[in-house]
Protein backbone atom coordinates (compact mmCIF):
# COMPACT_ATOMS: atom_id res chain seq x y z
CA UNK A 1 5.39 -34.03 25.23
CA UNK A 2 7.28 -34.15 28.30
CA UNK A 3 6.68 -31.67 31.16
CA UNK A 4 9.44 -29.47 30.66
CA UNK A 5 8.31 -28.82 26.83
CA UNK A 6 4.86 -28.20 28.31
CA UNK A 7 6.13 -25.65 30.78
CA UNK A 8 8.26 -24.05 27.73
CA UNK A 9 5.05 -23.94 25.88
CA UNK A 10 3.15 -22.17 28.46
CA UNK A 11 5.81 -19.66 29.09
CA UNK A 12 5.98 -18.73 25.57
CA UNK A 13 8.86 -17.21 23.47
CA UNK A 14 11.52 -15.83 25.29
CA UNK A 15 11.92 -11.86 25.67
CA UNK A 16 14.26 -10.26 23.53
CA UNK A 17 17.73 -9.98 25.07
CA UNK A 18 19.30 -6.57 25.99
CA UNK A 19 21.33 -6.43 22.66
CA UNK A 20 18.13 -7.11 20.48
CA UNK A 21 16.25 -4.59 22.25
CA UNK A 22 18.94 -2.12 21.82
CA UNK A 23 19.54 -2.75 18.21
CA UNK A 24 15.54 -2.52 17.57
CA UNK A 25 15.62 0.69 19.45
CA UNK A 26 18.79 2.24 17.31
CA UNK A 27 16.55 1.05 14.05
CA UNK A 28 13.81 2.66 15.16
CA UNK A 29 15.34 5.97 16.36
CA UNK A 30 17.41 6.39 12.98
CA UNK A 31 14.20 5.70 10.99
CA UNK A 32 12.50 8.21 13.10
CA UNK A 33 15.49 10.86 12.31
CA UNK A 34 15.75 10.01 8.67
CA UNK A 35 12.04 9.88 7.84
CA UNK A 36 11.80 13.68 9.74
CA UNK A 37 14.42 15.00 7.73
CA UNK A 38 13.33 13.61 4.22
CA UNK A 39 9.75 14.65 5.00
CA UNK A 40 10.75 18.21 5.97
CA UNK A 41 12.70 18.54 2.70
CA UNK A 42 9.92 17.25 0.65
CA UNK A 43 7.41 19.86 2.75
CA UNK A 44 9.82 22.93 2.30
CA UNK A 45 10.73 22.18 -1.02
CA UNK A 46 9.19 24.68 -4.24
CA UNK A 47 8.58 21.85 -6.29
CA UNK A 48 5.20 21.78 -7.96
CA UNK A 49 5.35 18.02 -8.77
CA UNK A 50 2.83 15.60 -7.14
CA UNK A 51 0.92 18.74 -5.63
CA UNK A 52 -2.63 17.68 -4.55
CA UNK A 53 -4.88 20.73 -5.04
CA UNK A 54 -8.40 21.34 -3.27
CA UNK A 55 -11.44 20.45 -5.32
CA UNK A 56 -13.85 21.83 -3.13
CA UNK A 57 -15.63 18.75 -2.91
CA UNK A 58 -13.84 15.72 -1.08
CA UNK A 59 -10.31 17.62 -1.06
CA UNK A 60 -10.74 20.73 1.48
CA UNK A 61 -7.46 21.74 2.13
CA UNK A 62 -7.04 25.08 2.13
CA UNK A 63 -3.98 25.08 -0.11
CA UNK A 64 -2.29 22.57 -2.45
CA UNK A 65 -0.04 20.04 -0.82
CA UNK A 66 2.29 17.31 -1.66
CA UNK A 67 1.41 13.82 -2.14
CA UNK A 68 4.97 12.42 -2.48
CA UNK A 69 5.18 11.34 1.37
CA UNK A 70 5.56 7.91 0.63
CA UNK A 71 8.84 8.53 -0.96
CA UNK A 72 10.34 9.40 2.48
CA UNK A 73 8.86 6.20 3.70
CA UNK A 74 10.26 3.97 0.95
CA UNK A 75 13.53 5.36 1.29
CA UNK A 76 13.92 4.76 4.70
CA UNK A 77 12.72 1.21 4.22
CA UNK A 78 15.14 0.65 1.42
CA UNK A 79 18.12 2.08 3.67
CA UNK A 80 17.55 0.52 6.68
CA UNK A 81 17.15 -3.11 4.49
CA UNK A 82 20.76 -2.24 3.36
CA UNK A 83 22.10 -1.82 6.57
CA UNK A 84 20.42 -4.91 7.84
CA UNK A 85 21.91 -6.96 4.67
CA UNK A 86 25.30 -5.35 5.57
CA UNK A 87 25.08 -6.55 9.27
CA UNK A 88 24.01 -9.91 8.16
CA UNK A 89 20.79 -9.64 10.12
CA UNK A 90 18.60 -10.41 6.86
CA UNK A 91 18.93 -13.13 4.38
CA UNK A 92 19.29 -11.25 0.89
CA UNK A 93 17.55 -14.87 -0.89
CA UNK A 94 14.97 -14.86 1.47
CA UNK A 95 13.70 -11.62 1.30
CA UNK A 96 14.49 -10.34 -2.20
CA UNK A 97 10.87 -11.15 -3.69
CA UNK A 98 9.50 -9.07 -0.81
CA UNK A 99 11.61 -5.90 -1.30
CA UNK A 100 11.49 -6.18 -5.06
CA UNK A 101 7.73 -6.50 -5.35
CA UNK A 102 7.27 -3.57 -2.35
CA UNK A 103 9.20 -1.56 -4.52
CA UNK A 104 7.07 -2.29 -7.80
CA UNK A 105 3.91 -1.50 -5.65
CA UNK A 106 4.95 1.80 -4.21
CA UNK A 107 6.29 2.47 -8.09
CA UNK A 108 2.64 2.15 -9.15
CA UNK A 109 1.28 4.53 -6.85
CA UNK A 110 4.04 7.00 -6.63
CA UNK A 111 3.50 7.40 -10.64
CA UNK A 112 -0.13 7.85 -10.13
CA UNK A 113 0.55 10.33 -7.53
CA UNK A 114 3.11 12.29 -10.54
CA UNK A 115 0.12 12.01 -12.77
CA UNK A 116 -2.90 10.09 -12.70
CA UNK A 117 -3.00 6.91 -14.10
CA UNK A 118 -6.79 6.06 -13.33
CA UNK A 119 -8.33 3.08 -11.53
CA UNK A 120 -8.39 0.30 -14.12
CA UNK A 121 -4.34 0.69 -14.85
CA UNK A 122 -3.39 1.00 -10.95
CA UNK A 123 -5.33 -2.41 -10.63
CA UNK A 124 -3.53 -4.14 -13.59
CA UNK A 125 -0.21 -2.83 -12.19
CA UNK A 126 -1.30 -4.38 -8.78
CA UNK A 127 -2.24 -7.73 -9.97
CA UNK A 128 0.93 -7.60 -11.97
CA UNK A 129 3.25 -7.18 -8.96
CA UNK A 130 1.13 -9.91 -7.04
CA UNK A 131 1.94 -12.40 -9.62
CA UNK A 132 5.44 -11.42 -9.50
CA UNK A 133 5.42 -12.21 -5.78
CA UNK A 134 3.34 -15.52 -6.40
CA UNK A 135 5.86 -16.86 -8.92
CA UNK A 136 9.21 -16.03 -6.39
CA UNK A 137 7.54 -18.57 -4.20
CA UNK A 138 5.46 -16.43 -1.78
CA UNK A 139 1.87 -17.75 -1.47
CA UNK A 140 -0.72 -19.08 0.67
CA UNK A 141 -1.03 -23.02 0.46
CA UNK A 142 -2.81 -24.40 3.32
CA UNK A 143 -5.59 -22.76 5.45
CA UNK A 144 -4.49 -24.24 8.43
CA UNK A 145 -6.69 -24.73 11.49
CA UNK A 146 -6.10 -22.24 14.40
CA UNK A 147 -7.26 -24.32 17.28
CA UNK A 148 -5.03 -27.14 16.30
CA UNK A 149 -3.40 -29.33 13.87
CA UNK A 150 -4.31 -29.78 10.51
CA UNK A 151 -5.75 -27.99 7.64
CA UNK A 152 -6.79 -27.74 4.14
CA UNK A 153 -4.73 -27.59 1.25
CA UNK A 154 -6.18 -25.24 -1.11
CA UNK A 155 -4.66 -26.49 -4.39
CA UNK A 156 -5.24 -24.37 -7.65
CA UNK A 157 -7.18 -21.94 -5.40
CA UNK A 158 -4.00 -20.68 -4.07
CA UNK A 159 -3.42 -18.65 -6.67
CA UNK A 160 -6.40 -16.38 -6.43
CA UNK A 161 -6.44 -16.37 -2.34
CA UNK A 162 -3.02 -15.09 -2.46
CA UNK A 163 -3.49 -12.62 -5.20
CA UNK A 164 -6.55 -11.53 -3.14
CA UNK A 165 -4.51 -10.89 0.01
CA UNK A 166 -1.81 -9.03 -1.46
CA UNK A 167 -4.22 -6.78 -3.45
CA UNK A 168 -6.97 -6.30 -0.99
CA UNK A 169 -5.19 -4.81 1.65
CA UNK A 170 -2.93 -1.90 -0.20
CA UNK A 171 -6.64 -0.67 -1.53
CA UNK A 172 -8.14 -0.77 1.91
CA UNK A 173 -5.64 1.11 3.14
CA UNK A 174 -5.48 3.63 0.36
CA UNK A 175 -9.32 3.52 0.65
CA UNK A 176 -9.05 4.83 4.27
CA UNK A 177 -6.27 7.42 3.46
CA UNK A 178 -9.10 10.31 3.42
CA UNK A 179 -8.42 12.00 6.67
CA UNK A 180 -5.13 13.56 7.74
CA UNK A 181 -3.28 11.31 9.96
CA UNK A 182 -5.28 7.97 9.48
CA UNK A 183 -3.93 5.88 7.31
CA UNK A 184 -0.10 6.47 8.47
CA UNK A 185 -1.60 5.68 12.21
CA UNK A 186 -3.39 2.55 11.18
CA UNK A 187 0.14 1.55 9.49
CA UNK A 188 2.22 2.15 12.36
CA UNK A 189 -0.34 0.18 14.84
CA UNK A 190 -0.26 -2.70 11.81
CA UNK A 191 4.01 -2.54 11.64
CA UNK A 192 3.95 -2.75 15.55
CA UNK A 193 1.65 -5.79 15.23
CA UNK A 194 3.90 -7.40 12.88
CA UNK A 195 6.82 -6.67 14.78
CA UNK A 196 5.04 -8.59 17.50
CA UNK A 197 4.25 -11.53 15.45
CA UNK A 198 7.97 -11.87 14.55
CA UNK A 199 8.72 -11.80 18.23
CA UNK A 200 6.21 -14.47 18.97
CA UNK A 201 7.24 -16.79 16.00
CA UNK A 202 11.06 -16.26 16.73
CA UNK A 203 11.74 -14.43 13.50
CA UNK A 204 13.96 -11.75 14.37
CA UNK A 205 14.18 -10.30 10.88
CA UNK A 206 10.60 -9.56 10.78
CA UNK A 207 10.70 -7.84 14.24
CA UNK A 208 13.50 -5.23 12.74
CA UNK A 209 12.02 -4.55 9.42
CA UNK A 210 8.62 -4.00 11.17
CA UNK A 211 10.30 -1.91 13.79
CA UNK A 212 12.27 -0.07 10.60
CA UNK A 213 8.98 0.64 9.10
CA UNK A 214 7.13 1.93 12.53
CA UNK A 215 9.89 4.17 12.41
CA UNK A 216 9.28 5.66 9.20
CA UNK A 217 6.07 6.21 9.95
CA UNK A 218 6.10 7.76 12.94
CA UNK A 219 8.62 10.47 11.45
CA UNK A 220 6.19 11.12 8.43
CA UNK A 221 3.07 11.26 10.95
CA UNK A 222 5.12 14.51 12.61
CA UNK A 223 3.61 16.31 9.11
CA UNK A 224 0.59 14.38 8.27
CA UNK A 225 -1.21 15.16 11.81
CA UNK A 226 -4.30 17.39 11.19
CA UNK A 227 -3.58 19.91 9.46
CA UNK A 228 -1.45 17.91 7.31
CA UNK A 229 1.36 19.29 5.84
CA UNK A 230 1.91 16.40 3.60
CA UNK A 231 -0.20 13.42 2.21
CA UNK A 232 1.12 9.69 1.95
CA UNK A 233 -0.30 9.69 -1.65
CA UNK A 234 -1.18 6.34 -3.62
CA UNK A 235 2.58 5.30 -3.65
CA UNK A 236 2.76 5.68 0.30
CA UNK A 237 -0.56 3.74 1.22
CA UNK A 238 0.15 1.12 -1.41
CA UNK A 239 3.44 0.56 0.10
CA UNK A 240 2.18 0.29 3.42
CA UNK A 241 -0.55 -2.15 2.38
CA UNK A 242 1.85 -4.64 0.46
CA UNK A 243 3.90 -4.37 2.97
CA UNK A 244 1.75 -5.45 5.72
CA UNK A 245 0.33 -8.37 3.33
CA UNK A 246 3.91 -9.58 2.22
CA UNK A 247 5.51 -9.54 5.40
CA UNK A 248 2.51 -11.14 7.38
CA UNK A 249 2.88 -13.88 4.99
CA UNK A 250 6.46 -14.42 5.47
CA UNK A 251 6.18 -14.18 8.90
CA UNK A 252 3.59 -17.19 8.43
CA UNK A 253 4.28 -20.83 8.51
CA UNK A 254 5.49 -21.74 5.03
CA UNK A 255 2.36 -19.75 3.51
CA UNK A 256 -0.01 -21.43 5.91
CA UNK A 257 -2.57 -19.13 6.69
CA UNK A 258 -2.41 -19.66 10.83
CA UNK A 259 -3.00 -17.22 13.52
CA UNK A 260 -0.41 -15.25 12.34
CA UNK A 261 -2.57 -13.69 9.18
CA UNK A 262 -6.01 -13.81 11.40
CA UNK A 263 -4.05 -11.27 13.75
CA UNK A 264 -3.73 -8.77 10.92
CA UNK A 265 -7.41 -9.26 9.44
CA UNK A 266 -8.78 -8.29 13.26
CA UNK A 267 -6.29 -5.32 13.18
CA UNK A 268 -7.32 -4.51 9.73
CA UNK A 269 -11.11 -4.41 11.25
CA UNK A 270 -11.80 -0.92 11.02
CA UNK A 271 -10.51 -0.30 7.65
CA UNK A 272 -12.25 -3.78 6.22
CA UNK A 273 -15.49 -2.55 7.92
CA UNK A 274 -15.24 1.04 6.11
CA UNK A 275 -14.39 -0.64 2.61
CA UNK A 276 -17.40 -3.03 3.30
CA UNK A 277 -19.98 0.04 3.96
CA UNK A 278 -18.46 2.01 1.08
CA UNK A 279 -18.90 -0.97 -1.54
CA UNK A 280 -22.56 -1.55 -0.25
CA UNK A 281 -22.98 2.26 -0.11
CA UNK A 282 -21.94 2.49 -4.01
CA UNK A 283 -23.46 -0.65 -5.13
CA UNK A 284 -27.13 0.24 -3.62
CA UNK A 285 -26.78 3.58 -5.03
CA UNK A 286 -25.71 2.65 -8.40
CA UNK A 287 -22.33 4.10 -8.60
CA UNK A 288 -18.79 2.83 -9.42
CA UNK A 289 -17.13 1.32 -6.37
CA UNK A 290 -14.19 2.92 -7.34
CA UNK A 291 -15.82 6.31 -7.46
CA UNK A 292 -14.93 8.50 -4.44
CA UNK A 293 -17.19 10.06 -1.76
CA UNK A 294 -17.08 11.52 1.35
CA UNK A 295 -19.10 9.31 3.50
CA UNK A 296 -16.13 6.98 4.86
CA UNK A 297 -16.64 6.54 8.67
CA UNK A 298 -14.31 9.62 9.48
CA UNK A 299 -16.40 11.62 7.49
CA UNK A 300 -19.45 10.53 9.43
CA UNK A 301 -17.83 11.14 12.68
CA UNK A 302 -16.94 14.59 11.76
CA UNK A 303 -20.46 15.02 10.84
CA UNK A 304 -21.68 13.95 14.32
CA UNK A 305 -19.61 16.83 15.70
CA UNK A 306 -16.01 15.00 16.33
CA UNK A 307 -13.26 17.41 15.57
CA UNK A 308 -10.67 15.90 12.98
CA UNK A 309 -8.41 14.93 16.29
CA UNK A 310 -11.04 13.38 18.42
CA UNK A 311 -11.92 11.34 15.59
CA UNK A 312 -8.60 10.95 14.74
CA UNK A 313 -8.21 9.48 18.20
CA UNK A 314 -11.24 7.42 18.48
CA UNK A 315 -10.14 5.50 15.28
CA UNK A 316 -6.45 5.00 16.66
CA UNK A 317 -8.30 3.44 20.00
CA UNK A 318 -10.56 1.23 18.40
CA UNK A 319 -7.60 -0.10 16.23
CA UNK A 320 -5.45 -0.31 19.07
CA UNK A 321 -7.79 -2.42 21.02
CA UNK A 322 -8.45 -4.88 17.59
CA UNK A 323 -4.74 -5.21 17.49
CA UNK A 324 -4.68 -6.32 21.04
CA UNK A 325 -8.15 -8.55 20.23
CA UNK A 326 -5.93 -9.86 17.27
CA UNK A 327 -2.65 -10.79 19.11
CA UNK A 328 -4.91 -12.61 21.67
CA UNK A 329 -5.58 -14.95 19.29
CA UNK A 330 -1.74 -15.64 18.49
CA UNK A 331 -0.97 -15.93 22.01
CA UNK A 332 -4.11 -18.35 22.85
CA UNK A 333 -3.81 -20.30 19.97
CA UNK A 334 -6.93 -19.46 18.47
CA UNK A 335 -8.77 -20.13 21.20
CA UNK A 336 -9.98 -16.22 21.56
CA UNK A 337 -10.87 -16.29 17.90
CA UNK A 338 -14.76 -16.51 18.46
CA UNK A 339 -14.42 -13.63 21.01
CA UNK A 340 -12.53 -11.70 18.08
CA UNK A 341 -15.55 -12.34 15.75
CA UNK A 342 -18.16 -11.60 18.08
CA UNK A 343 -16.47 -7.97 18.64
CA UNK A 344 -16.35 -7.54 14.88
CA UNK A 345 -19.89 -8.47 14.39
CA UNK A 346 -20.73 -6.04 17.10
CA UNK A 347 -18.51 -3.24 16.03
CA UNK A 348 -20.18 -3.71 12.42
CA UNK A 349 -23.68 -3.62 13.59
CA UNK A 350 -23.06 -0.87 16.12
CA UNK A 351 -21.31 1.58 13.87
CA UNK A 352 -23.82 1.14 11.05
CA UNK A 353 -26.46 2.55 13.23
CA UNK A 354 -24.37 5.00 15.28
CA UNK A 355 -22.90 6.49 11.89
CA UNK A 356 -26.41 6.94 10.44
CA UNK A 357 -25.69 4.60 7.59
CA UNK A 358 -28.88 2.53 8.99
CA UNK A 359 -31.50 5.35 9.94
CA UNK A 360 -33.76 2.70 11.98
CA UNK A 361 -33.53 -1.09 12.40
CA UNK A 362 -37.39 -1.13 12.07
CA UNK A 363 -37.42 0.77 8.95
CA UNK A 364 -34.53 -0.94 7.29
CA UNK A 365 -36.67 -2.29 4.64
CA UNK A 366 -38.55 1.03 3.90
CA UNK A 367 -35.37 2.55 3.66
CA UNK A 368 -33.72 -0.04 1.20
CA UNK A 369 -36.80 0.50 -1.13
CA UNK A 370 -36.02 4.45 -1.07
CA UNK A 371 -32.57 3.85 -2.48
CA UNK A 372 -33.18 1.31 -5.00
CA UNK A 373 -35.88 3.80 -6.28
CA UNK A 374 -33.02 6.47 -6.04
CA UNK A 375 -30.63 4.04 -7.87
CA UNK A 376 -33.33 3.69 -10.58
CA UNK A 377 -33.75 7.15 -10.90
CA UNK A 378 -29.92 8.24 -11.20
CA UNK A 379 -30.07 5.12 -13.95
CA UNK A 380 -32.77 7.21 -16.06
CA UNK A 381 -30.57 10.34 -15.51
CA UNK A 382 -27.45 9.11 -16.79
CA UNK A 383 -29.69 7.60 -19.77
CA UNK A 384 -30.58 10.98 -20.60
CA UNK A 385 -27.08 12.37 -20.37
CA UNK A 386 -25.99 9.73 -23.13
CA UNK A 387 -28.47 10.61 -25.26
CA UNK A 388 -27.98 14.49 -24.89
CA UNK A 389 -24.45 13.47 -26.09
CA UNK A 390 -25.48 12.08 -29.54
CA UNK A 391 -27.95 15.66 -29.57
CA UNK A 392 -24.58 17.64 -29.18
CA UNK A 393 -23.67 16.65 -32.67
CA UNK A 394 -27.22 17.40 -34.21
CA UNK A 395 -27.29 20.73 -32.77
CA UNK A 396 -25.93 23.39 -34.84
CA UNK A 397 -25.29 26.31 -32.18
CA UNK A 398 -24.55 26.28 -28.36
CA UNK A 399 -27.52 28.11 -28.15
CA UNK A 400 -29.59 25.30 -29.52
CA UNK A 401 -28.45 23.10 -27.08
CA UNK A 402 -28.68 25.20 -24.28
CA UNK A 403 -32.40 25.35 -24.82
CA UNK A 404 -32.61 21.38 -25.04
CA UNK A 405 -30.48 20.75 -22.16
CA UNK A 406 -32.38 23.39 -19.94
CA UNK A 407 -35.51 21.19 -20.62
CA UNK A 408 -33.49 18.14 -19.08
CA UNK A 409 -32.41 19.87 -16.59
CA UNK A 410 -35.78 21.21 -15.42
CA UNK A 411 -36.83 17.70 -15.38
CA UNK A 412 -34.30 16.20 -13.66
CA UNK A 413 -34.65 18.98 -10.62
CA UNK A 414 -31.80 21.27 -11.56
CA UNK A 415 -32.48 25.03 -11.86
CA UNK A 416 -31.61 27.60 -14.55
CA UNK A 417 -30.10 30.37 -12.25
CA UNK A 418 -29.12 30.53 -8.46
CA UNK A 419 -31.90 31.46 -5.77
CA UNK A 420 -32.45 31.68 -2.03
CA UNK A 421 -34.38 28.11 -2.78
CA UNK A 422 -31.07 26.87 -4.27
CA UNK A 423 -27.72 25.88 -3.24
CA UNK A 424 -24.53 25.19 -5.76
CA UNK A 425 -23.02 21.85 -6.31
CA UNK A 426 -19.73 22.09 -7.95
CA UNK A 427 -18.30 19.53 -10.27
CA UNK A 428 -14.32 19.47 -11.40
CA UNK A 429 -13.67 18.62 -14.98
CA UNK A 430 -10.76 17.89 -16.76
CA UNK A 431 -8.07 20.90 -17.34
CA UNK A 432 -9.27 22.45 -14.11
CA UNK A 433 -12.36 23.32 -15.20
CA UNK A 434 -15.28 23.38 -12.55
CA UNK A 435 -18.85 23.74 -12.93
CA UNK A 436 -21.82 24.80 -10.69
CA UNK A 437 -24.94 23.19 -10.82
CA UNK A 438 -27.80 25.01 -8.93
CA UNK A 439 -30.05 22.58 -6.91
CA UNK A 440 -32.89 22.60 -4.60
CA UNK A 441 -32.28 23.06 -0.76
CA UNK A 442 -33.43 20.69 1.72
CA UNK A 443 -35.04 18.11 -0.52
CA UNK A 444 -34.05 15.45 1.65
CA UNK A 445 -31.87 14.32 -1.70
CA UNK A 446 -28.58 16.27 -1.13
CA UNK A 447 -26.20 13.57 -1.40
CA UNK A 448 -27.96 12.47 -4.89
CA UNK A 449 -27.31 15.88 -6.43
CA UNK A 450 -23.43 15.05 -6.70
CA UNK A 451 -24.07 11.81 -8.56
CA UNK A 452 -26.81 13.35 -10.81
CA UNK A 453 -24.28 16.23 -11.69
CA UNK A 454 -21.64 14.00 -12.29
CA UNK A 455 -23.69 12.08 -15.02
CA UNK A 456 -23.25 15.52 -16.93
CA UNK A 457 -19.32 15.83 -16.73
CA UNK A 458 -18.55 14.12 -19.62
CA UNK A 459 -21.14 15.89 -21.61
CA UNK A 460 -20.02 19.40 -20.57
CA UNK A 461 -16.39 18.57 -21.44
CA UNK A 462 -17.48 17.51 -24.80
CA UNK A 463 -19.37 20.96 -25.13
CA UNK A 464 -16.27 22.73 -24.62
CA UNK A 465 -14.53 20.58 -27.13
CA UNK A 466 -17.17 21.53 -29.71
CA UNK A 467 -18.01 25.02 -28.69
CA UNK A 468 -15.31 26.56 -26.52
CA UNK A 469 -18.10 27.33 -23.73
CA UNK A 470 -20.88 25.91 -21.49
CA UNK A 471 -24.38 26.18 -21.55
CA UNK A 472 -25.63 29.36 -19.25
CA UNK A 473 -27.72 26.94 -16.63
CA UNK A 474 -23.94 25.72 -15.16
CA UNK A 475 -21.63 28.46 -13.72
CA UNK A 476 -18.18 28.05 -15.76
CA UNK A 477 -14.58 27.86 -14.21
CA UNK A 478 -14.14 31.42 -12.91
CA UNK A 479 -17.14 31.99 -11.38
CA UNK A 480 -17.40 28.75 -9.81
CA UNK A 481 -14.12 29.85 -7.84
CA UNK A 482 -16.26 32.85 -6.64
CA UNK A 483 -19.33 30.73 -5.34
CA UNK A 484 -18.51 30.48 -1.44
CA UNK A 485 -21.18 28.49 -0.26
CA UNK A 486 -20.82 25.19 -2.16
CA UNK A 487 -22.93 22.12 -1.36
CA UNK A 488 -19.69 19.48 -0.15
CA UNK A 489 -20.58 15.99 0.67
CA UNK A 490 -19.40 16.30 3.96
CA UNK A 491 -22.03 19.25 4.79
CA UNK A 492 -25.04 16.60 4.91
CA UNK A 493 -25.74 13.37 6.72
CA UNK A 494 -27.41 11.27 4.56
CA UNK A 495 -28.38 7.44 4.91
CA UNK A 496 -27.44 5.28 1.72
């Protein structure tokens, strides 16, 4: 390498020219405007399609809110791509697989927003979309060395690694979409990061399409900041995640994992950490990792006294810092990778303690033993619930079954009726029916009562099917709506 080449490498890629900068600004501004108008139309529409109603537990908004915010983002993205194709700024043959699969992934989430598909159906759809993209030639074939030349050929491992990348990121984005402005804001930071990757790697089409997505998200966020007037929905969250996953593969060096993909992993530090906490928390408690709860990082911040705005700003700040840390890996050609790893490790340790997931490092083993004991008790309760479902067939009347279930409820700890020593836990069921269980106050196990009550939801639905009524030890729909002091997952701070 001669002196001129070394000097060019040290100077980095040339800055975008004035025409390029102006073009990016125009794309961004037009995307913001169309997104604003499109989102406003959805917000002001009188349609009841895709509405997200509060349930008194995780969904604490005071009125039904549309979940179709992802539709506007998708429309802006498609319109922008068509303009880029007409202007010759993008090669259709190169980008067709990415655009097609982004549309398919959005469709999986969008149909779920219209009518719940279930976790398994959505996962099958995600795997199918990822397989289509893999079969069309976009894959992770080589794990390259971020510190220099060389790498490891993945061989047949290329398929599972690529599928994991394409499926994990949409689900990570969807998992953190539990607070107004959070997933959309993270998507904005990630889109800007992708745009910078396109600039560094000399790919103007990556810069433009990332700018387009950033503009669409900016327009949407005007209506999604707290208090939100519209939600992303699964369609929007899946679209953001799959866009980041697929475009980052496109921006990498012909399928090789280089610093470009490491930038995205570092920038996703907060949602990845939240996902890890959720998997560990639910695994230890013995509940499905797909079950929703209200103990994500943003919920914990609110329990610690943060307002929604401050919690959002805090998480935005961390995301921005991690994006810069990730970009430093790209600019230093991997030299900053150990520093980035140390930052993520320290952040994970500090967050686990600060957010209350770990009460005390010195008593961590004792806390784990307590959690495992509560898990065994929950498994025992679920076994009782399954036995009671068989008992329904043996009982000749609801009165007989009521006496039986009251006996089991007393053993579990539920009370027959409300009192100053109880607090209600509301469990939504099918067809809009809600049930309220009377649970002891201040026994240190408030969060467990949700899982215990959930174990009986299918049993009570079976009661409704057979007798058209519920045992009097739970409050049915119309009375539940009058209960004003419900326990919700956000009303207590409990370690796992």
